[in-house]
N, C-alpha and C. Protein backbone atom coordinates (compact mmCIF):
# COMPACT_ATOMS: atom_id res chain seq x y z
N MET A 1 -6.58 10.54 -7.93
CA MET A 1 -6.24 10.30 -6.66
C MET A 1 -6.93 11.26 -5.62
N ALA A 2 -7.25 10.84 -4.39
CA ALA A 2 -7.65 11.43 -3.45
C ALA A 2 -6.65 12.64 -3.07
N VAL A 3 -7.33 13.48 -2.27
CA VAL A 3 -6.56 14.96 -1.94
C VAL A 3 -6.82 14.83 -0.50
N ALA A 4 -5.49 15.05 0.12
CA ALA A 4 -5.91 15.36 1.70
C ALA A 4 -6.44 16.79 1.81
N GLY A 5 -6.88 16.83 2.96
CA GLY A 5 -7.52 18.10 3.50
C GLY A 5 -6.65 19.40 2.97
N THR A 6 -7.56 20.48 2.73
CA THR A 6 -6.61 21.70 2.49
C THR A 6 -6.06 22.68 3.42
N GLY A 7 -5.95 21.92 4.55
CA GLY A 7 -5.35 23.07 5.71
C GLY A 7 -3.90 23.41 5.51
N LYS A 8 -3.86 24.58 6.12
CA LYS A 8 -2.37 24.99 5.83
C LYS A 8 -1.04 24.32 6.11
N PHE A 9 -1.19 23.56 6.92
CA PHE A 9 -0.22 22.67 7.68
C PHE A 9 -0.03 21.08 6.80
N ASP A 10 -1.18 20.88 5.86
CA ASP A 10 -1.00 19.65 5.33
C ASP A 10 0.36 19.31 4.51
N GLU A 11 0.86 20.37 4.12
CA GLU A 11 2.34 20.24 3.40
C GLU A 11 3.41 19.73 4.39
N TYR A 12 3.31 20.14 5.80
CA TYR A 12 3.94 19.60 6.62
C TYR A 12 3.74 18.23 7.46
N CYS A 13 2.39 17.77 6.99
CA CYS A 13 1.91 16.42 7.73
C CYS A 13 2.40 15.24 6.89
N SER A 14 3.11 14.34 7.22
CA SER A 14 3.78 13.18 6.51
C SER A 14 2.35 12.33 6.21
N ILE A 15 1.29 12.32 7.01
CA ILE A 15 0.06 11.34 6.83
C ILE A 15 -0.89 12.17 5.74
N ALA A 16 -0.66 13.39 5.43
CA ALA A 16 -1.55 14.06 4.64
C ALA A 16 -0.88 13.88 3.42
N ARG A 17 0.36 14.11 3.23
CA ARG A 17 1.23 14.00 2.08
C ARG A 17 0.99 12.43 1.18
N ALA A 18 1.18 11.74 2.50
CA ALA A 18 1.08 10.17 1.80
C ALA A 18 -0.24 9.88 1.33
N LEU A 19 -1.40 10.32 1.81
CA LEU A 19 -2.67 10.16 1.44
C LEU A 19 -3.08 10.91 0.37
N GLN A 20 -2.40 11.93 -0.31
CA GLN A 20 -2.40 12.32 -1.79
C GLN A 20 -2.06 11.40 -2.49
N VAL A 21 -1.13 10.39 -2.55
CA VAL A 21 -0.63 9.41 -3.21
C VAL A 21 -1.47 7.97 -3.26
N VAL A 22 -1.95 7.38 -1.82
CA VAL A 22 -2.71 6.18 -1.71
C VAL A 22 -3.96 6.31 -0.80
N GLY A 23 -4.61 7.59 -0.68
CA GLY A 23 -5.83 7.75 -0.21
C GLY A 23 -6.99 7.62 -0.62
N ASP A 24 -7.34 6.69 -1.46
CA ASP A 24 -8.75 6.19 -1.66
C ASP A 24 -8.69 4.57 -1.87
N LYS A 25 -9.83 3.92 -1.81
CA LYS A 25 -10.06 2.36 -1.76
C LYS A 25 -9.67 1.69 -2.85
N TRP A 26 -9.71 2.22 -4.30
CA TRP A 26 -9.16 1.56 -5.39
C TRP A 26 -7.52 1.50 -5.24
N THR A 27 -7.04 2.47 -4.77
CA THR A 27 -5.85 2.57 -5.12
C THR A 27 -5.19 1.64 -4.13
N LEU A 28 -5.53 1.97 -2.81
CA LEU A 28 -5.02 0.59 -1.67
C LEU A 28 -5.23 -0.73 -2.06
N LEU A 29 -6.35 -1.09 -2.94
CA LEU A 29 -6.59 -2.36 -3.24
C LEU A 29 -5.60 -2.93 -4.47
N ILE A 30 -5.53 -1.75 -5.24
CA ILE A 30 -4.39 -1.95 -6.33
C ILE A 30 -3.24 -2.32 -5.75
N LEU A 31 -2.52 -1.67 -4.80
CA LEU A 31 -1.53 -1.83 -4.09
C LEU A 31 -1.41 -3.21 -3.39
N ARG A 32 -2.48 -3.47 -2.72
CA ARG A 32 -2.66 -4.69 -2.10
C ARG A 32 -2.32 -5.97 -3.39
N GLU A 33 -2.93 -5.87 -4.25
CA GLU A 33 -2.67 -6.98 -5.23
C GLU A 33 -1.26 -6.94 -5.72
N ALA A 34 -0.76 -5.84 -6.02
CA ALA A 34 0.75 -5.85 -6.40
C ALA A 34 1.64 -6.13 -5.35
N ALA A 35 1.45 -5.88 -4.29
CA ALA A 35 2.41 -5.92 -3.23
C ALA A 35 2.37 -7.22 -2.36
N LEU A 36 1.14 -7.60 -2.10
CA LEU A 36 1.08 -8.99 -1.41
C LEU A 36 0.64 -9.89 -2.29
N ARG A 37 0.26 -9.84 -3.72
CA ARG A 37 -0.36 -11.04 -4.47
C ARG A 37 0.41 -11.18 -5.70
N GLY A 38 1.32 -10.13 -5.96
CA GLY A 38 2.30 -10.26 -7.41
C GLY A 38 1.34 -9.89 -8.52
N VAL A 39 0.55 -9.16 -8.30
CA VAL A 39 -0.26 -8.92 -9.76
C VAL A 39 0.49 -7.77 -10.24
N THR A 40 0.31 -7.91 -11.77
CA THR A 40 1.16 -6.87 -12.54
C THR A 40 0.62 -6.24 -13.86
N ARG A 41 -0.31 -7.26 -14.24
CA ARG A 41 -1.06 -7.04 -15.48
C ARG A 41 -2.18 -6.37 -15.32
N PHE A 42 -2.76 -5.46 -16.30
CA PHE A 42 -4.06 -4.42 -16.23
C PHE A 42 -5.01 -5.41 -16.00
N ALA A 43 -5.24 -6.58 -16.88
CA ALA A 43 -6.50 -7.30 -16.84
C ALA A 43 -6.49 -8.17 -15.85
N ASP A 44 -5.38 -8.47 -14.89
CA ASP A 44 -5.48 -9.27 -13.84
C ASP A 44 -5.92 -8.19 -12.72
N PHE A 45 -5.48 -6.95 -12.67
CA PHE A 45 -5.99 -6.06 -11.76
C PHE A 45 -7.55 -6.03 -11.84
N ARG A 46 -8.07 -5.74 -13.10
CA ARG A 46 -9.35 -5.47 -13.26
C ARG A 46 -10.10 -6.70 -12.80
N ASP A 47 -9.78 -7.90 -13.16
CA ASP A 47 -10.46 -8.94 -12.72
C ASP A 47 -10.67 -9.35 -11.60
N ARG A 48 -9.57 -9.23 -10.69
CA ARG A 48 -9.40 -9.59 -9.27
C ARG A 48 -10.20 -8.68 -8.62
N LEU A 49 -10.24 -7.48 -9.04
CA LEU A 49 -10.86 -6.28 -8.54
C LEU A 49 -12.11 -5.78 -8.63
N GLY A 50 -12.61 -6.33 -9.97
CA GLY A 50 -14.00 -6.00 -10.40
C GLY A 50 -14.05 -4.32 -10.68
N ILE A 51 -13.10 -3.89 -11.09
CA ILE A 51 -12.87 -2.30 -11.06
C ILE A 51 -13.21 -2.00 -12.63
N ALA A 52 -13.93 -0.64 -12.79
CA ALA A 52 -14.05 -0.22 -13.98
C ALA A 52 -12.66 0.18 -14.84
N PRO A 53 -12.50 -0.16 -16.05
CA PRO A 53 -11.19 0.06 -16.66
C PRO A 53 -10.69 1.34 -16.40
N ASP A 54 -11.64 2.28 -16.64
CA ASP A 54 -11.37 3.83 -16.66
C ASP A 54 -10.95 4.24 -15.29
N ILE A 55 -11.03 3.82 -14.35
CA ILE A 55 -10.86 4.25 -12.76
C ILE A 55 -9.54 3.45 -12.72
N LEU A 56 -9.32 2.04 -13.36
CA LEU A 56 -7.93 1.36 -13.04
C LEU A 56 -6.80 2.16 -13.67
N THR A 57 -7.32 2.79 -14.87
CA THR A 57 -6.22 3.19 -15.71
C THR A 57 -5.91 4.62 -15.20
N GLY A 58 -6.75 5.39 -14.51
CA GLY A 58 -6.40 6.45 -13.69
C GLY A 58 -5.35 6.20 -12.13
N ARG A 59 -6.05 5.28 -11.89
CA ARG A 59 -5.22 4.74 -10.33
C ARG A 59 -3.88 4.30 -10.80
N LEU A 60 -3.72 3.58 -11.89
CA LEU A 60 -2.55 3.08 -12.09
C LEU A 60 -1.51 4.14 -12.76
N THR A 61 -1.97 4.82 -13.57
CA THR A 61 -1.41 6.22 -14.05
C THR A 61 -0.89 7.32 -12.98
N GLY A 62 -1.67 7.44 -12.01
CA GLY A 62 -1.38 7.97 -10.72
C GLY A 62 -0.07 7.35 -10.09
N LEU A 63 -0.18 6.10 -9.85
CA LEU A 63 0.91 5.52 -9.09
C LEU A 63 2.27 5.42 -9.78
N VAL A 64 1.93 5.27 -11.08
CA VAL A 64 3.27 5.45 -11.86
C VAL A 64 4.01 6.95 -11.68
N ASP A 65 3.08 7.84 -11.96
CA ASP A 65 3.39 9.33 -11.92
C ASP A 65 4.08 9.73 -10.64
N GLN A 66 3.55 9.37 -9.47
CA GLN A 66 3.88 9.18 -7.97
C GLN A 66 5.06 8.66 -7.66
N GLY A 67 5.53 7.28 -8.62
CA GLY A 67 6.80 6.92 -8.44
C GLY A 67 6.66 5.52 -7.58
N VAL A 68 5.48 5.12 -7.45
CA VAL A 68 5.17 3.81 -6.41
C VAL A 68 5.09 2.70 -7.43
N LEU A 69 4.73 2.50 -8.54
CA LEU A 69 4.75 1.82 -9.68
C LEU A 69 5.50 2.28 -10.59
N GLU A 70 5.99 1.32 -11.67
CA GLU A 70 6.65 1.68 -12.85
C GLU A 70 6.13 0.67 -13.94
N LYS A 71 6.10 1.22 -15.14
CA LYS A 71 5.23 0.40 -16.07
C LYS A 71 6.41 -0.16 -17.10
N ARG A 72 6.41 -1.43 -17.40
CA ARG A 72 7.21 -2.07 -18.21
C ARG A 72 6.58 -2.79 -19.70
N PRO A 73 7.06 -2.53 -20.71
CA PRO A 73 6.28 -3.07 -21.62
C PRO A 73 6.60 -4.58 -22.11
N TYR A 74 5.57 -5.06 -22.31
CA TYR A 74 5.68 -6.70 -22.70
C TYR A 74 4.88 -7.04 -24.13
N SER A 75 5.13 -8.08 -24.60
CA SER A 75 4.16 -8.43 -25.55
C SER A 75 4.13 -10.18 -25.61
N GLU A 76 3.06 -10.45 -25.84
CA GLU A 76 3.18 -12.06 -26.19
C GLU A 76 2.92 -12.13 -27.57
N PRO A 77 3.48 -13.24 -28.09
CA PRO A 77 3.58 -13.52 -29.75
C PRO A 77 2.07 -13.45 -30.05
N GLY A 78 2.12 -12.37 -31.41
CA GLY A 78 0.99 -12.24 -32.20
C GLY A 78 -0.02 -11.06 -31.37
N THR A 79 0.39 -10.67 -30.32
CA THR A 79 -0.51 -9.53 -29.79
C THR A 79 0.51 -8.27 -29.70
N ARG A 80 -0.29 -7.19 -29.67
CA ARG A 80 0.42 -5.74 -29.39
C ARG A 80 1.04 -5.39 -28.15
N THR A 81 1.91 -4.69 -28.13
CA THR A 81 2.81 -4.35 -26.86
C THR A 81 1.84 -3.74 -26.00
N ARG A 82 1.84 -4.41 -24.35
CA ARG A 82 1.30 -3.84 -23.56
C ARG A 82 2.08 -3.64 -22.43
N HIS A 83 1.63 -3.01 -21.24
CA HIS A 83 2.37 -2.94 -20.00
C HIS A 83 1.99 -3.57 -18.92
N SER A 84 3.01 -3.88 -18.15
CA SER A 84 2.96 -4.60 -16.80
C SER A 84 3.26 -3.52 -15.66
N TYR A 85 2.85 -3.48 -14.64
CA TYR A 85 3.02 -2.50 -13.38
C TYR A 85 3.74 -3.27 -12.42
N HIS A 86 4.87 -2.79 -11.99
CA HIS A 86 5.73 -3.26 -10.80
C HIS A 86 5.91 -2.16 -9.84
N LEU A 87 6.16 -2.57 -8.67
CA LEU A 87 6.50 -1.76 -7.51
C LEU A 87 7.88 -1.43 -7.42
N THR A 88 8.11 0.00 -7.43
CA THR A 88 9.38 0.55 -7.32
C THR A 88 9.78 0.39 -5.79
N PRO A 89 10.99 0.83 -5.46
CA PRO A 89 11.37 0.83 -3.91
C PRO A 89 10.52 1.55 -3.23
N ALA A 90 9.79 2.58 -3.59
CA ALA A 90 8.84 3.34 -2.66
C ALA A 90 7.38 2.38 -2.56
N GLY A 91 7.14 1.92 -3.64
CA GLY A 91 5.91 1.01 -3.72
C GLY A 91 6.33 -0.41 -2.71
N GLU A 92 7.49 -1.02 -2.70
CA GLU A 92 7.78 -2.07 -1.69
C GLU A 92 7.51 -1.61 -0.36
N GLN A 93 8.09 -0.25 -0.04
CA GLN A 93 7.91 0.28 1.37
C GLN A 93 6.54 0.22 1.74
N LEU A 94 5.55 0.18 0.88
CA LEU A 94 4.29 0.24 1.27
C LEU A 94 3.70 -1.08 1.68
N ARG A 95 4.30 -2.05 1.60
CA ARG A 95 3.92 -3.36 2.05
C ARG A 95 3.59 -3.30 3.58
N VAL A 96 4.57 -2.76 4.26
CA VAL A 96 4.49 -2.63 5.82
C VAL A 96 3.06 -1.89 6.04
N VAL A 97 2.86 -1.00 5.30
CA VAL A 97 1.66 -0.03 5.63
C VAL A 97 0.44 -1.17 5.24
N LEU A 98 0.55 -1.72 4.23
CA LEU A 98 -0.75 -2.65 3.79
C LEU A 98 -0.73 -3.72 4.90
N ALA A 99 0.45 -4.27 5.54
CA ALA A 99 0.13 -5.37 6.42
C ALA A 99 -0.37 -4.76 7.62
N ALA A 100 0.05 -3.53 8.05
CA ALA A 100 -0.35 -3.09 9.30
C ALA A 100 -2.10 -2.69 8.92
N LEU A 101 -2.43 -2.35 7.98
CA LEU A 101 -3.91 -2.11 7.41
C LEU A 101 -4.78 -3.75 7.82
N GLN A 102 -4.02 -4.78 7.25
CA GLN A 102 -4.42 -5.99 7.16
C GLN A 102 -4.57 -6.35 8.87
N GLN A 103 -3.54 -6.18 9.45
CA GLN A 103 -3.37 -6.74 10.84
C GLN A 103 -4.30 -6.01 11.53
N TRP A 104 -4.55 -4.69 11.42
CA TRP A 104 -5.48 -3.82 12.13
C TRP A 104 -7.40 -4.57 12.05
N GLY A 105 -7.33 -4.70 10.59
CA GLY A 105 -8.83 -5.29 9.91
C GLY A 105 -9.02 -6.64 10.54
N ASP A 106 -7.92 -7.68 10.83
CA ASP A 106 -8.10 -8.93 11.25
C ASP A 106 -8.18 -8.60 12.99
N GLU A 107 -7.75 -7.63 13.50
CA GLU A 107 -8.03 -7.60 14.96
C GLU A 107 -9.30 -6.80 15.02
N ASN A 108 -9.82 -5.87 14.54
CA ASN A 108 -10.75 -5.03 14.93
C ASN A 108 -12.09 -5.21 13.86
N ARG A 109 -12.00 -5.80 12.90
CA ARG A 109 -12.92 -5.94 11.93
C ARG A 109 -12.84 -7.50 11.33
N PRO A 110 -12.61 -8.43 12.33
CA PRO A 110 -12.41 -9.90 11.74
C PRO A 110 -13.90 -10.31 11.00
N PRO A 111 -13.47 -11.24 9.88
CA PRO A 111 -14.63 -11.99 9.29
C PRO A 111 -14.93 -13.20 10.16
N SER A 112 -16.04 -13.62 10.15
CA SER A 112 -16.55 -14.55 10.75
C SER A 112 -15.75 -15.87 10.44
N SER A 113 -15.20 -16.01 9.12
CA SER A 113 -14.37 -17.08 8.83
C SER A 113 -12.95 -17.00 9.48
N GLY A 114 -12.51 -15.95 9.89
CA GLY A 114 -11.27 -15.67 10.25
C GLY A 114 -10.27 -15.05 9.13
N PRO A 115 -9.24 -14.82 9.47
CA PRO A 115 -8.46 -13.73 8.41
C PRO A 115 -8.24 -14.81 7.14
N SER A 116 -8.24 -13.76 5.87
CA SER A 116 -8.10 -14.36 4.56
C SER A 116 -6.62 -14.76 4.07
N THR A 117 -5.76 -13.99 4.82
CA THR A 117 -4.21 -13.90 4.61
C THR A 117 -3.60 -13.99 5.80
N LEU A 118 -2.36 -14.97 6.10
CA LEU A 118 -1.94 -15.00 7.22
C LEU A 118 -0.45 -14.29 6.94
N ARG A 119 0.25 -13.72 7.78
CA ARG A 119 1.31 -12.98 7.62
C ARG A 119 2.32 -14.16 8.28
N ARG A 120 3.51 -14.45 7.49
CA ARG A 120 4.46 -15.33 8.06
C ARG A 120 5.85 -15.07 7.64
N THR A 121 6.76 -15.81 7.99
CA THR A 121 8.13 -15.66 7.70
C THR A 121 8.15 -16.13 6.23
N ALA A 122 9.09 -15.99 5.38
CA ALA A 122 9.33 -16.59 3.87
C ALA A 122 9.31 -18.04 3.91
N ASP A 123 9.68 -18.76 5.02
CA ASP A 123 9.87 -20.17 4.96
C ASP A 123 8.33 -20.76 5.40
N GLY A 124 7.56 -19.65 5.91
CA GLY A 124 6.26 -20.26 6.48
C GLY A 124 6.24 -20.59 7.96
N SER A 125 7.44 -20.70 8.59
CA SER A 125 7.40 -21.51 10.02
C SER A 125 7.01 -20.60 11.01
N ARG A 126 7.02 -19.17 11.03
CA ARG A 126 6.82 -18.40 12.05
C ARG A 126 5.67 -17.09 11.59
N PRO A 127 4.80 -16.78 12.45
CA PRO A 127 4.01 -15.87 12.20
C PRO A 127 4.56 -14.42 12.36
N VAL A 128 4.14 -13.60 11.69
CA VAL A 128 4.81 -12.12 11.90
C VAL A 128 3.79 -11.09 12.11
N ARG A 129 4.19 -9.84 12.90
CA ARG A 129 3.35 -8.87 13.24
C ARG A 129 3.99 -7.76 12.59
N VAL A 130 3.24 -6.64 12.54
CA VAL A 130 3.77 -5.36 12.31
C VAL A 130 3.52 -4.53 13.67
N ALA A 131 5.06 -3.88 14.02
CA ALA A 131 5.05 -3.47 15.14
C ALA A 131 5.89 -1.99 15.25
N PHE A 132 6.20 -1.53 16.07
CA PHE A 132 7.11 -0.53 16.28
C PHE A 132 8.08 -1.28 16.93
N VAL A 133 9.56 -0.65 16.38
CA VAL A 133 10.72 -1.44 16.85
C VAL A 133 11.47 -0.22 17.10
N ASP A 134 12.56 -0.20 18.10
CA ASP A 134 13.22 0.88 18.42
C ASP A 134 14.68 0.68 17.86
N ASP A 135 15.71 1.61 18.01
CA ASP A 135 16.85 1.46 17.31
C ASP A 135 17.57 0.58 17.54
N THR A 136 17.34 -0.31 18.52
CA THR A 136 18.19 -1.50 19.24
C THR A 136 17.38 -2.91 18.46
N GLY A 137 16.39 -2.63 17.95
CA GLY A 137 15.44 -3.71 17.54
C GLY A 137 14.66 -4.35 18.42
N ALA A 138 14.42 -3.64 19.56
CA ALA A 138 13.30 -4.11 20.83
C ALA A 138 11.80 -3.80 20.07
N VAL A 139 10.91 -4.41 20.34
CA VAL A 139 9.56 -4.17 20.22
C VAL A 139 9.16 -3.19 21.23
N VAL A 140 8.64 -2.15 20.65
CA VAL A 140 7.91 -1.26 21.43
C VAL A 140 6.37 -1.17 21.82
N PRO A 141 5.59 -1.44 22.43
CA PRO A 141 4.03 -1.25 22.74
C PRO A 141 3.51 0.10 22.24
N PRO A 142 2.74 -0.07 21.17
CA PRO A 142 1.85 1.19 20.76
C PRO A 142 1.52 2.10 21.68
N GLU A 143 1.31 1.92 23.10
CA GLU A 143 0.95 2.67 23.90
C GLU A 143 2.09 3.45 24.58
N GLN A 144 3.35 2.90 24.22
CA GLN A 144 4.43 3.61 24.88
C GLN A 144 5.42 4.34 23.65
N VAL A 145 4.42 4.62 22.57
CA VAL A 145 5.13 5.30 21.36
C VAL A 145 4.50 6.68 21.65
N VAL A 146 5.37 7.77 21.28
CA VAL A 146 4.75 9.05 21.29
C VAL A 146 5.22 9.68 20.00
N PHE A 147 4.63 10.39 19.37
CA PHE A 147 4.56 11.31 18.36
C PHE A 147 5.16 12.65 18.52
N ALA A 148 6.32 12.79 18.68
CA ALA A 148 6.63 14.47 19.12
C ALA A 148 7.09 15.21 17.67
N PRO A 149 6.76 16.41 17.89
CA PRO A 149 7.00 17.29 16.71
C PRO A 149 8.35 17.36 16.51
N ALA A 150 8.64 17.45 15.16
CA ALA A 150 10.01 17.41 14.75
C ALA A 150 10.79 18.95 14.73
N TYR A 151 9.87 19.81 15.03
CA TYR A 151 10.35 21.28 14.98
C TYR A 151 9.14 21.95 15.50
N PRO A 152 9.49 23.35 15.91
CA PRO A 152 8.44 24.15 16.48
C PRO A 152 7.42 24.45 15.66
N GLY A 153 6.14 24.40 16.09
CA GLY A 153 4.87 24.50 15.24
C GLY A 153 4.45 23.45 14.44
N ALA A 154 5.36 22.39 14.25
CA ALA A 154 4.70 21.18 13.68
C ALA A 154 3.63 20.53 14.52
N GLY A 155 3.00 19.70 13.96
CA GLY A 155 2.01 18.97 14.69
C GLY A 155 1.40 17.99 14.02
C-alpha cells in the first residue's frame, strides 16, 4: 500500500489516513472493479486490469487487512477452494469516492468519445451527480463549502 507523507500531522489528517489504504493506482482500480462493476474473483480482476498476479495479491491482501474487502471461500465442482473478494460496509462507502473521481475525470479529463460509464438512478431514469449536501438535504455548491479545523491546531 502507498503510504501518505511522513509529516507529524498526518495522523490527524483524514485524507492522509485514507491514502494509506487506497492511495495508489492499482488499489483504486481494484476498488473500481469491485464497487462499480461487481468483480469478486482474482482471475477476473487480473484479466480486466492486466495487473501482475503478485501485485494483485498484495493489493487484495492489503484491502482485506484494512477492512475494505472480505475474503469468502468458494469452490467449483472438481476444483480446489479459492477465495472471492467482497466489499465490506467500509468498502461500500468508497463508491461515493470512486464516483467523485469518475465525475472529476469526466469533467476535467474527458475522452474524445465521451464518458465510459454513466451514473444513473437504479431504474436508469435519472442521471446522478456527486455533490456536497447539507443536513437538510440541500445541495451546496463546492465554492460555498469551507473546511474548518475540528479543533485548535488541526489543519
